[in-house]
Amino acid sequence: MPGIVSTVIKLALVCLGVGLVLAFFDVDPVKLLHNFPQAIRSAFQVVVDMIRWAVPYITLGAVVVVPIWLVVVLLRLLRNRRT
């Protein structure tokens, strides 16, 4: 029983936090439920836009980071073979 009570308390605290954040952005719960499909599409579009923004920077960083990482891994392998 204590596990259930603590879970309910944690859920209530998370709901309170999410509610405060949504209230800060003037999100009305009735409108959110009424426009739920559109809200999901909008949220998905935000995620897609974030990925489209991040991919070029990830690729640019990978051009530098991956070769350095590969050299470090190869040097460790060579060092381990000698010992």
C-alpha atoms as a PDB file:
ATOM      1  CA  MET A   1       0.000   0.000   0.000  1.00  0.00           C
ATOM      2  CA  PRO A   2       2.773   2.554   0.741  1.00  0.00           C
ATOM      3  CA  GLY A   3       4.072   2.080  -2.821  1.00  0.00           C
ATOM      4  CA  ILE A   4       0.707   3.085  -4.239  1.00  0.00           C
ATOM      5  CA  VAL A   5       0.466   6.135  -1.986  1.00  0.00           C
ATOM      6  CA  SER A   6       3.943   7.332  -2.933  1.00  0.00           C
ATOM      7  CA  THR A   7       3.155   6.791  -6.619  1.00  0.00           C
ATOM      8  CA  VAL A   8      -0.045   8.832  -6.318  1.00  0.00           C
ATOM      9  CA  ILE A   9       1.844  11.619  -4.542  1.00  0.00           C
ATOM     10  CA  LYS A  10       4.558  11.625  -7.220  1.00  0.00           C
ATOM     11  CA  LEU A  11       1.937  11.732  -9.983  1.00  0.00           C
ATOM     12  CA  ALA A  12       0.162  14.612  -8.249  1.00  0.00           C
ATOM     13  CA  LEU A  13       3.425  16.559  -7.994  1.00  0.00           C
ATOM     14  CA  VAL A  14       4.256  15.948 -11.646  1.00  0.00           C
ATOM     15  CA  CYS A  15       0.726  16.988 -12.654  1.00  0.00           C
ATOM     16  CA  LEU A  16       1.098  20.140 -10.575  1.00  0.00           C
ATOM     17  CA  GLY A  17       4.409  20.962 -12.248  1.00  0.00           C
ATOM     18  CA  VAL A  18       3.089  20.337 -15.744  1.00  0.00           C
ATOM     19  CA  GLY A  19      -0.034  22.340 -14.943  1.00  0.00           C
ATOM     20  CA  LEU A  20       2.053  25.282 -13.768  1.00  0.00           C
ATOM     21  CA  VAL A  21       4.172  25.197 -16.922  1.00  0.00           C
ATOM     22  CA  LEU A  22       1.084  24.992 -19.147  1.00  0.00           C
ATOM     23  CA  ALA A  23      -0.562  27.827 -17.224  1.00  0.00           C
ATOM     24  CA  PHE A  24       2.577  29.909 -17.726  1.00  0.00           C
ATOM     25  CA  PHE A  25       2.125  29.483 -21.483  1.00  0.00           C
ATOM     26  CA  ASP A  26      -1.618  30.298 -21.204  1.00  0.00           C
ATOM     27  CA  VAL A  27      -2.723  26.823 -22.243  1.00  0.00           C
ATOM     28  CA  ASP A  28      -6.399  26.263 -21.480  1.00  0.00           C
ATOM     29  CA  PRO A  29      -7.167  22.610 -20.587  1.00  0.00           C
ATOM     30  CA  VAL A  30     -10.598  22.701 -22.267  1.00  0.00           C
ATOM     31  CA  LYS A  31      -9.135  24.081 -25.496  1.00  0.00           C
ATOM     32  CA  LEU A  32      -6.299  21.565 -25.284  1.00  0.00           C
ATOM     33  CA  LEU A  33      -8.756  18.674 -25.044  1.00  0.00           C
ATOM     34  CA  HIS A  34     -10.981  20.148 -27.735  1.00  0.00           C
ATOM     35  CA  ASN A  35      -8.061  20.643 -30.122  1.00  0.00           C
ATOM     36  CA  PHE A  36      -6.127  17.553 -29.035  1.00  0.00           C
ATOM     37  CA  PRO A  37      -5.435  16.177 -32.544  1.00  0.00           C
ATOM     38  CA  GLN A  38      -4.143  19.577 -33.681  1.00  0.00           C
ATOM     39  CA  ALA A  39      -2.058  19.881 -30.506  1.00  0.00           C
ATOM     40  CA  ILE A  40      -0.448  16.503 -31.196  1.00  0.00           C
ATOM     41  CA  ARG A  41       0.288  17.502 -34.799  1.00  0.00           C
ATOM     42  CA  SER A  42       1.781  20.790 -33.622  1.00  0.00           C
ATOM     43  CA  ALA A  43       3.944  19.053 -31.031  1.00  0.00           C
ATOM     44  CA  PHE A  44       5.107  16.548 -33.647  1.00  0.00           C
ATOM     45  CA  GLN A  45       5.958  19.389 -36.021  1.00  0.00           C
ATOM     46  CA  VAL A  46       8.014  21.093 -33.307  1.00  0.00           C
ATOM     47  CA  VAL A  47       9.977  17.874 -32.777  1.00  0.00           C
ATOM     48  CA  VAL A  48      10.531  17.479 -36.530  1.00  0.00           C
ATOM     49  CA  ASP A  49      11.702  21.091 -36.789  1.00  0.00           C
ATOM     50  CA  MET A  50      14.115  20.582 -33.875  1.00  0.00           C
ATOM     51  CA  ILE A  51      15.567  17.494 -35.553  1.00  0.00           C
ATOM     52  CA  ARG A  52      15.928  19.354 -38.861  1.00  0.00           C
ATOM     53  CA  TRP A  53      17.740  22.131 -36.990  1.00  0.00           C
ATOM     54  CA  ALA A  54      20.031  19.760 -35.065  1.00  0.00           C
ATOM     55  CA  VAL A  55      21.108  17.339 -37.812  1.00  0.00           C
ATOM     56  CA  PRO A  56      23.457  19.743 -39.661  1.00  0.00           C
ATOM     57  CA  TYR A  57      25.190  20.669 -36.386  1.00  0.00           C
ATOM     58  CA  ILE A  58      25.490  17.020 -35.350  1.00  0.00           C
ATOM     59  CA  THR A  59      26.994  16.216 -38.742  1.00  0.00           C
ATOM     60  CA  LEU A  60      29.412  19.123 -38.524  1.00  0.00           C
ATOM     61  CA  GLY A  61      30.539  18.060 -35.063  1.00  0.00           C
ATOM     62  CA  ALA A  62      30.838  14.436 -36.152  1.00  0.00           C
ATOM     63  CA  VAL A  63      33.313  15.430 -38.875  1.00  0.00           C
ATOM     64  CA  VAL A  64      35.680  16.495 -36.087  1.00  0.00           C
ATOM     65  CA  VAL A  65      34.742  14.219 -33.176  1.00  0.00           C
ATOM     66  CA  VAL A  66      34.485  10.819 -34.887  1.00  0.00           C
ATOM     67  CA  PRO A  67      37.996  10.793 -36.405  1.00  0.00           C
ATOM     68  CA  ILE A  68      39.500  11.889 -33.065  1.00  0.00           C
ATOM     69  CA  TRP A  69      37.523   9.208 -31.246  1.00  0.00           C
ATOM     70  CA  LEU A  70      38.635   6.600 -33.798  1.00  0.00           C
ATOM     71  CA  VAL A  71      42.305   7.522 -33.311  1.00  0.00           C
ATOM     72  CA  VAL A  72      41.942   7.305 -29.516  1.00  0.00           C
ATOM     73  CA  VAL A  73      40.264   3.886 -29.747  1.00  0.00           C
ATOM     74  CA  LEU A  74      42.945   2.569 -32.110  1.00  0.00           C
ATOM     75  CA  LEU A  75      45.720   3.853 -29.845  1.00  0.00           C
ATOM     76  CA  ARG A  76      44.125   2.117 -26.846  1.00  0.00           C
ATOM     77  CA  LEU A  77      43.884  -1.114 -28.814  1.00  0.00           C
ATOM     78  CA  LEU A  78      47.539  -0.907 -29.783  1.00  0.00           C
ATOM     79  CA  ARG A  79      48.568  -0.140 -26.196  1.00  0.00           C
ATOM     80  CA  ASN A  80      46.544  -3.086 -24.854  1.00  0.00           C
ATOM     81  CA  ARG A  81      48.108  -5.498 -27.351  1.00  0.00           C
ATOM     82  CA  ARG A  82      51.628  -4.510 -26.263  1.00  0.00           C
ATOM     83  CA  THR A  83      50.968  -5.214 -22.575  1.00  0.00           C
END
